[in-house]
C-alpha atoms as a PDB file:
ATOM      1  CA  MET A   1       2.855 -13.445 -41.595  1.00  0.00           C
ATOM      2  CA  VAL A   2       3.020 -13.725 -37.806  1.00  0.00           C
ATOM      3  CA  ASN A   3       0.033 -12.227 -35.994  1.00  0.00           C
ATOM      4  CA  LEU A   4       1.555  -9.722 -33.554  1.00  0.00           C
ATOM      5  CA  LEU A   5      -1.778  -8.508 -32.144  1.00  0.00           C
ATOM      6  CA  PRO A   6      -1.821 -10.776 -29.036  1.00  0.00           C
ATOM      7  CA  PHE A   7       1.730  -9.688 -28.166  1.00  0.00           C
ATOM      8  CA  GLN A   8       0.852  -6.038 -28.699  1.00  0.00           C
ATOM      9  CA  ARG A   9      -2.285  -6.310 -26.571  1.00  0.00           C
ATOM     10  CA  THR A  10      -0.292  -7.993 -23.819  1.00  0.00           C
ATOM     11  CA  ASN A  11       2.134  -5.060 -23.877  1.00  0.00           C
ATOM     12  CA  VAL A  12      -0.799  -2.650 -23.534  1.00  0.00           C
ATOM     13  CA  LEU A  13      -2.080  -4.715 -20.619  1.00  0.00           C
ATOM     14  CA  ILE A  14       1.308  -4.605 -18.884  1.00  0.00           C
ATOM     15  CA  SER A  15       1.368  -0.835 -19.444  1.00  0.00           C
ATOM     16  CA  GLU A  16      -1.996  -0.490 -17.671  1.00  0.00           C
ATOM     17  CA  ILE A  17      -0.784  -2.692 -14.815  1.00  0.00           C
ATOM     18  CA  ASP A  18       2.253  -0.407 -14.480  1.00  0.00           C
ATOM     19  CA  GLU A  19      -0.050   2.630 -14.307  1.00  0.00           C
ATOM     20  CA  PHE A  20      -2.177   0.888 -11.672  1.00  0.00           C
ATOM     21  CA  LEU A  21       0.929   0.246  -9.568  1.00  0.00           C
ATOM     22  CA  ASP A  22       1.948   3.882 -10.088  1.00  0.00           C
ATOM     23  CA  LYS A  23      -1.375   4.965  -8.579  1.00  0.00           C
ATOM     24  CA  VAL A  24      -0.784   2.861  -5.492  1.00  0.00           C
ATOM     25  CA  SER A  25       2.655   4.466  -5.178  1.00  0.00           C
ATOM     26  CA  GLU A  26       1.090   7.930  -5.471  1.00  0.00           C
ATOM     27  CA  ALA A  27      -1.415   7.131  -2.721  1.00  0.00           C
ATOM     28  CA  SER A  28       1.419   5.956  -0.467  1.00  0.00           C
ATOM     29  CA  MET A  29       3.373   9.166  -1.065  1.00  0.00           C
ATOM     30  CA  VAL A  30       0.320  11.309  -0.331  1.00  0.00           C
ATOM     31  CA  LEU A  31      -0.232   9.322   2.862  1.00  0.00           C
ATOM     32  CA  GLU A  32       3.346   9.835   4.046  1.00  0.00           C
ATOM     33  CA  GLN A  33       3.261  13.535   3.188  1.00  0.00           C
ATOM     34  CA  THR A  34      -0.062  14.006   4.969  1.00  0.00           C
ATOM     35  CA  VAL A  35       0.872  12.089   8.119  1.00  0.00           C
ATOM     36  CA  THR A  36       4.270  13.781   8.428  1.00  0.00           C
ATOM     37  CA  GLN A  37       2.778  17.244   8.015  1.00  0.00           C
ATOM     38  CA  TYR A  38       0.027  16.478  10.514  1.00  0.00           C
ATOM     39  CA  LEU A  39       2.526  15.252  13.094  1.00  0.00           C
ATOM     40  CA  ASP A  40       4.671  18.339  12.560  1.00  0.00           C
ATOM     41  CA  THR A  41       1.856  20.889  12.833  1.00  0.00           C
ATOM     42  CA  GLY A  42      -0.821  19.162  14.909  1.00  0.00           C
ATOM     43  CA  GLN A  43      -3.451  20.372  12.468  1.00  0.00           C
ATOM     44  CA  ASP A  44      -3.537  20.608   8.700  1.00  0.00           C
ATOM     45  CA  ASP A  45      -5.882  22.925   6.837  1.00  0.00           C
ATOM     46  CA  GLU A  46      -5.228  20.891   3.696  1.00  0.00           C
ATOM     47  CA  LEU A  47      -6.516  17.581   5.081  1.00  0.00           C
ATOM     48  CA  ASP A  48      -9.774  17.719   3.152  1.00  0.00           C
ATOM     49  CA  GLU A  49      -7.818  18.373  -0.042  1.00  0.00           C
ATOM     50  CA  LYS A  50      -5.592  15.385   0.702  1.00  0.00           C
ATOM     51  CA  VAL A  51      -8.660  13.195   1.122  1.00  0.00           C
ATOM     52  CA  GLU A  52      -9.945  14.306  -2.275  1.00  0.00           C
ATOM     53  CA  GLN A  53      -6.521  13.708  -3.770  1.00  0.00           C
ATOM     54  CA  VAL A  54      -6.243  10.097  -2.568  1.00  0.00           C
ATOM     55  CA  ARG A  55      -9.852   9.399  -3.499  1.00  0.00           C
ATOM     56  CA  ALA A  56      -9.173  10.605  -7.055  1.00  0.00           C
ATOM     57  CA  ILE A  57      -6.144   8.307  -7.161  1.00  0.00           C
ATOM     58  CA  GLU A  58      -8.270   5.442  -5.853  1.00  0.00           C
ATOM     59  CA  GLU A  59     -10.956   6.091  -8.468  1.00  0.00           C
ATOM     60  CA  ARG A  60      -8.434   5.969 -11.323  1.00  0.00           C
ATOM     61  CA  ALA A  61      -6.853   2.818  -9.888  1.00  0.00           C
ATOM     62  CA  ASP A  62     -10.280   1.148  -9.730  1.00  0.00           C
ATOM     63  CA  GLU A  63     -10.910   2.074 -13.368  1.00  0.00           C
ATOM     64  CA  LEU A  64      -7.575   0.586 -14.395  1.00  0.00           C
ATOM     65  CA  ARG A  65      -8.113  -2.622 -12.427  1.00  0.00           C
ATOM     66  CA  SER A  66     -11.569  -3.096 -13.910  1.00  0.00           C
ATOM     67  CA  ASN A  67     -10.243  -2.533 -17.426  1.00  0.00           C
ATOM     68  CA  ILE A  68      -7.329  -4.917 -16.833  1.00  0.00           C
ATOM     69  CA  PHE A  69      -9.701  -7.682 -15.738  1.00  0.00           C
ATOM     70  CA  ASN A  70     -12.058  -7.082 -18.664  1.00  0.00           C
ATOM     71  CA  VAL A  71      -9.248  -7.183 -21.211  1.00  0.00           C
ATOM     72  CA  MET A  72      -7.694 -10.293 -19.689  1.00  0.00           C
ATOM     73  CA  TYR A  73     -10.988 -12.185 -19.959  1.00  0.00           C
ATOM     74  CA  SER A  74     -12.371 -10.796 -23.216  1.00  0.00           C
ATOM     75  CA  GLU A  75      -9.111 -11.184 -25.131  1.00  0.00           C
ATOM     76  CA  MET A  76      -7.850 -14.290 -23.323  1.00  0.00           C
ATOM     77  CA  LEU A  77      -4.538 -12.717 -22.370  1.00  0.00           C
ATOM     78  CA  MET A  78      -2.157 -14.394 -19.875  1.00  0.00           C
ATOM     79  CA  PRO A  79      -4.537 -17.376 -19.491  1.00  0.00           C
ATOM     80  CA  ASP A  80      -2.123 -19.450 -17.377  1.00  0.00           C
ATOM     81  CA  SER A  81      -1.706 -16.793 -14.688  1.00  0.00           C
ATOM     82  CA  ARG A  82      -4.952 -14.814 -14.996  1.00  0.00           C
ATOM     83  CA  GLY A  83      -6.304 -15.887 -11.609  1.00  0.00           C
ATOM     84  CA  ASP A  84      -3.031 -15.094  -9.861  1.00  0.00           C
ATOM     85  CA  VAL A  85      -2.862 -11.657 -11.491  1.00  0.00           C
ATOM     86  CA  MET A  86      -6.415 -10.872 -10.388  1.00  0.00           C
ATOM     87  CA  ASP A  87      -5.686 -11.938  -6.812  1.00  0.00           C
ATOM     88  CA  LEU A  88      -2.432  -9.985  -6.749  1.00  0.00           C
ATOM     89  CA  LEU A  89      -3.953  -6.756  -8.041  1.00  0.00           C
ATOM     90  CA  GLY A  90      -6.883  -7.136  -5.653  1.00  0.00           C
ATOM     91  CA  HIS A  91      -4.576  -7.341  -2.637  1.00  0.00           C
ATOM     92  CA  VAL A  92      -2.374  -4.505  -3.888  1.00  0.00           C
ATOM     93  CA  ASP A  93      -5.542  -2.457  -4.288  1.00  0.00           C
ATOM     94  CA  ALA A  94      -6.390  -3.195  -0.639  1.00  0.00           C
ATOM     95  CA  THR A  95      -3.099  -1.515   0.297  1.00  0.00           C
ATOM     96  CA  LEU A  96      -4.237   1.583  -1.585  1.00  0.00           C
ATOM     97  CA  ASP A  97      -7.515   1.408   0.357  1.00  0.00           C
ATOM     98  CA  ASP A  98      -5.516   1.395   3.604  1.00  0.00           C
ATOM     99  CA  CYS A  99      -3.778   4.605   2.505  1.00  0.00           C
ATOM    100  CA  VAL A 100      -7.114   6.256   1.753  1.00  0.00           C
ATOM    101  CA  HIS A 101      -8.586   5.167   5.089  1.00  0.00           C
ATOM    102  CA  VAL A 102      -5.690   6.562   7.142  1.00  0.00           C
ATOM    103  CA  VAL A 103      -5.833   9.935   5.373  1.00  0.00           C
ATOM    104  CA  ALA A 104      -9.621  10.031   5.798  1.00  0.00           C
ATOM    105  CA  ALA A 105      -9.288   9.115   9.484  1.00  0.00           C
ATOM    106  CA  LEU A 106      -6.953  12.071  10.001  1.00  0.00           C
ATOM    107  CA  ALA A 107      -9.401  14.434   8.336  1.00  0.00           C
ATOM    108  CA  ILE A 108     -12.416  13.123  10.248  1.00  0.00           C
ATOM    109  CA  GLU A 109     -11.038  12.200  13.679  1.00  0.00           C
ATOM    110  CA  ARG A 110      -8.109  14.650  14.036  1.00  0.00           C
ATOM    111  CA  PRO A 111      -6.355  12.467  16.639  1.00  0.00           C
ATOM    112  CA  SER A 112      -4.336  14.341  19.225  1.00  0.00           C
ATOM    113  CA  VAL A 113      -0.718  13.149  19.065  1.00  0.00           C
ATOM    114  CA  PRO A 114       1.412  14.418  21.980  1.00  0.00           C
ATOM    115  CA  PRO A 115       4.921  15.547  20.940  1.00  0.00           C
ATOM    116  CA  GLU A 116       6.575  12.656  22.759  1.00  0.00           C
ATOM    117  CA  PHE A 117       4.927  10.184  20.365  1.00  0.00           C
ATOM    118  CA  ALA A 118       5.374  12.149  17.134  1.00  0.00           C
ATOM    119  CA  ASP A 119       8.863  10.897  16.218  1.00  0.00           C
ATOM    120  CA  ASP A 120       7.924   7.248  16.664  1.00  0.00           C
ATOM    121  CA  CYS A 121       4.753   7.749  14.611  1.00  0.00           C
ATOM    122  CA  LYS A 122       6.877   9.297  11.850  1.00  0.00           C
ATOM    123  CA  ALA A 123       9.205   6.302  12.065  1.00  0.00           C
ATOM    124  CA  ILE A 124       6.242   3.934  11.626  1.00  0.00           C
ATOM    125  CA  MET A 125       5.134   5.967   8.629  1.00  0.00           C
ATOM    126  CA  ARG A 126       8.581   5.735   7.055  1.00  0.00           C
ATOM    127  CA  GLU A 127       8.613   1.952   7.453  1.00  0.00           C
ATOM    128  CA  VAL A 128       5.095   1.727   6.022  1.00  0.00           C
ATOM    129  CA  GLY A 129       6.168   3.803   3.019  1.00  0.00           C
ATOM    130  CA  LYS A 130       9.245   1.637   2.472  1.00  0.00           C
ATOM    131  CA  SER A 131       7.259  -1.599   2.745  1.00  0.00           C
ATOM    132  CA  ILE A 132       4.746  -0.406   0.143  1.00  0.00           C
ATOM    133  CA  ASP A 133       7.495   0.863  -2.161  1.00  0.00           C
ATOM    134  CA  VAL A 134       9.358  -2.462  -2.083  1.00  0.00           C
ATOM    135  CA  MET A 135       6.067  -4.360  -2.471  1.00  0.00           C
ATOM    136  CA  LEU A 136       5.401  -2.452  -5.686  1.00  0.00           C
ATOM    137  CA  GLN A 137       8.919  -3.180  -6.922  1.00  0.00           C
ATOM    138  CA  GLY A 138       8.248  -6.859  -6.260  1.00  0.00           C
ATOM    139  CA  ALA A 139       4.924  -6.696  -8.083  1.00  0.00           C
ATOM    140  CA  ARG A 140       6.597  -5.167 -11.139  1.00  0.00           C
ATOM    141  CA  ALA A 141       9.284  -7.848 -10.987  1.00  0.00           C
ATOM    142  CA  TYR A 142       6.571 -10.525 -10.976  1.00  0.00           C
ATOM    143  CA  PHE A 143       5.497  -9.459 -14.457  1.00  0.00           C
ATOM    144  CA  LYS A 144       8.975  -8.871 -15.886  1.00  0.00           C
ATOM    145  CA  GLU A 145      11.533 -10.917 -13.917  1.00  0.00           C
ATOM    146  CA  PRO A 146       9.648 -13.374 -11.677  1.00  0.00           C
ATOM    147  CA  ARG A 147      12.838 -15.081 -10.540  1.00  0.00           C
ATOM    148  CA  THR A 148      13.916 -11.889  -8.741  1.00  0.00           C
ATOM    149  CA  VAL A 149      10.763 -11.568  -6.628  1.00  0.00           C
ATOM    150  CA  ARG A 150      12.333 -13.172  -3.543  1.00  0.00           C
ATOM    151  CA  ASP A 151      14.918 -10.382  -3.500  1.00  0.00           C
ATOM    152  CA  TYR A 152      12.122  -7.942  -2.695  1.00  0.00           C
ATOM    153  CA  VAL A 153       9.994 -10.027  -0.351  1.00  0.00           C
ATOM    154  CA  HIS A 154      12.546 -10.280   2.459  1.00  0.00           C
ATOM    155  CA  LYS A 155      12.882  -6.468   2.348  1.00  0.00           C
ATOM    156  CA  ILE A 156       9.111  -6.063   2.611  1.00  0.00           C
ATOM    157  CA  ASN A 157       9.098  -8.295   5.664  1.00  0.00           C
ATOM    158  CA  PHE A 158      12.000  -6.392   7.218  1.00  0.00           C
ATOM    159  CA  HIS A 159      10.177  -3.062   7.000  1.00  0.00           C
ATOM    160  CA  GLU A 160       6.913  -4.623   8.202  1.00  0.00           C
ATOM    161  CA  LYS A 161       8.676  -6.014  11.281  1.00  0.00           C
ATOM    162  CA  GLU A 162      10.252  -2.633  11.967  1.00  0.00           C
ATOM    163  CA  ALA A 163       6.824  -0.958  11.761  1.00  0.00           C
ATOM    164  CA  THR A 164       5.401  -3.599  14.104  1.00  0.00           C
ATOM    165  CA  THR A 165       8.239  -3.236  16.615  1.00  0.00           C
ATOM    166  CA  ILE A 166       7.903   0.542  16.748  1.00  0.00           C
ATOM    167  CA  GLY A 167       4.115   0.288  16.853  1.00  0.00           C
ATOM    168  CA  LEU A 168       4.169  -2.038  19.861  1.00  0.00           C
ATOM    169  CA  ARG A 169       6.581   0.272  21.650  1.00  0.00           C
ATOM    170  CA  VAL A 170       4.372   3.291  20.941  1.00  0.00           C
ATOM    171  CA  GLY A 171       1.261   1.409  22.010  1.00  0.00           C
ATOM    172  CA  LYS A 172       2.799   0.491  25.343  1.00  0.00           C
ATOM    173  CA  ALA A 173       4.015   4.062  25.865  1.00  0.00           C
ATOM    174  CA  ILE A 174       0.558   5.425  25.077  1.00  0.00           C
ATOM    175  CA  PHE A 175      -1.129   3.252  27.694  1.00  0.00           C
ATOM    176  CA  ASP A 176       1.616   3.980  30.225  1.00  0.00           C
ATOM    177  CA  SER A 177       1.092   7.714  29.741  1.00  0.00           C
ATOM    178  CA  ALA A 178      -1.109  10.091  31.728  1.00  0.00           C
ATOM    179  CA  LEU A 179      -3.522  10.606  28.830  1.00  0.00           C
ATOM    180  CA  PRO A 180      -7.225  10.024  29.527  1.00  0.00           C
ATOM    181  CA  LEU A 181      -8.267   6.457  28.748  1.00  0.00           C
ATOM    182  CA  GLU A 182     -10.427   7.471  25.782  1.00  0.00           C
ATOM    183  CA  SER A 183      -7.519   9.439  24.295  1.00  0.00           C
ATOM    184  CA  LYS A 184      -5.234   6.450  24.788  1.00  0.00           C
ATOM    185  CA  ARG A 185      -7.630   4.189  22.932  1.00  0.00           C
ATOM    186  CA  HIS A 186      -8.178   6.673  20.133  1.00  0.00           C
ATOM    187  CA  LEU A 187      -4.470   7.260  19.563  1.00  0.00           C
ATOM    188  CA  ALA A 188      -3.565   3.568  19.815  1.00  0.00           C
ATOM    189  CA  GLU A 189      -6.287   2.713  17.302  1.00  0.00           C
ATOM    190  CA  TRP A 190      -4.959   5.287  14.847  1.00  0.00           C
ATOM    191  CA  VAL A 191      -1.389   3.993  15.217  1.00  0.00           C
ATOM    192  CA  GLY A 192      -2.658   0.468  14.575  1.00  0.00           C
ATOM    193  CA  ARG A 193      -4.506   1.627  11.465  1.00  0.00           C
ATOM    194  CA  LEU A 194      -1.325   3.268  10.195  1.00  0.00           C
ATOM    195  CA  ARG A 195       0.728   0.126  10.792  1.00  0.00           C
ATOM    196  CA  LYS A 196      -1.853  -2.046   9.012  1.00  0.00           C
ATOM    197  CA  ALA A 197      -0.645  -0.925   5.564  1.00  0.00           C
ATOM    198  CA  ALA A 198       2.767  -2.481   6.234  1.00  0.00           C
ATOM    199  CA  SER A 199       1.117  -5.742   7.291  1.00  0.00           C
ATOM    200  CA  ARG A 200      -0.888  -5.702   4.079  1.00  0.00           C
ATOM    201  CA  ALA A 201       2.278  -5.207   2.036  1.00  0.00           C
ATOM    202  CA  SER A 202       3.828  -8.202   3.796  1.00  0.00           C
ATOM    203  CA  ASP A 203       0.773 -10.318   2.905  1.00  0.00           C
ATOM    204  CA  VAL A 204       1.182  -9.294  -0.742  1.00  0.00           C
ATOM    205  CA  GLY A 205       4.836 -10.312  -0.524  1.00  0.00           C
ATOM    206  CA  ASP A 206       3.822 -13.801   0.641  1.00  0.00           C
ATOM    207  CA  GLN A 207       1.534 -14.067  -2.376  1.00  0.00           C
ATOM    208  CA  LEU A 208       4.225 -12.846  -4.736  1.00  0.00           C
ATOM    209  CA  VAL A 209       6.568 -15.660  -3.743  1.00  0.00           C
ATOM    210  CA  VAL A 210       3.979 -18.324  -4.590  1.00  0.00           C
ATOM    211  CA  PHE A 211       2.823 -16.662  -7.812  1.00  0.00           C
ATOM    212  CA  ALA A 212       6.374 -16.012  -9.009  1.00  0.00           C
ATOM    213  CA  VAL A 213       7.356 -19.656  -8.509  1.00  0.00           C
ATOM    214  CA  LYS A 214       4.394 -20.681 -10.646  1.00  0.00           C
ATOM    215  CA  ARG A 215       5.362 -18.223 -13.382  1.00  0.00           C
ATOM    216  CA  ALA A 216       8.992 -19.286 -13.371  1.00  0.00           C
ATOM    217  CA  ILE A 217       8.187 -22.982 -13.852  1.00  0.00           C
END
């Protein structure tokens, strides 16, 4: 009789990886919701709750990642790509960390965003959300259809470039404005922190291309 246990355990592992990626998606959605609401209202009485929400998501994601690594090593699952999987999940997890940090920065620093910059900041946030969403689609494809990964990576890069273009325009406008210098620096730093998540997603996309080629061989 064929021993199906390794196959079954691999399916369980893939299920946990899917849940981990779901948590990163949740954190991204909370980030976009929080930033958009903050830009619309100027203040948000629910910011502290949002911080707790993304931290709870982060905690569950960390539990899943730890369990995934333990199972992969203890049960010798996916031995040929174990190192790549660990690196990939570690960098995806860093994107989740970026989401947590931006939400926390809003709650702690409460940056003042003049109305003339709000629409562009929302546009950056939309591109960040899209880049993370496509990154996660690419990560799922890596495990199920590695040959399709390239289809996602060029989309990640497109949204990252859009976020960068808008971010540079906003940064220039901020420093050309009549805001006090300290306010300019504070706002520009926050915009840069927001844009960083898209850059991280693009880095993950670069990894995905290499890892997917190795899996497809």
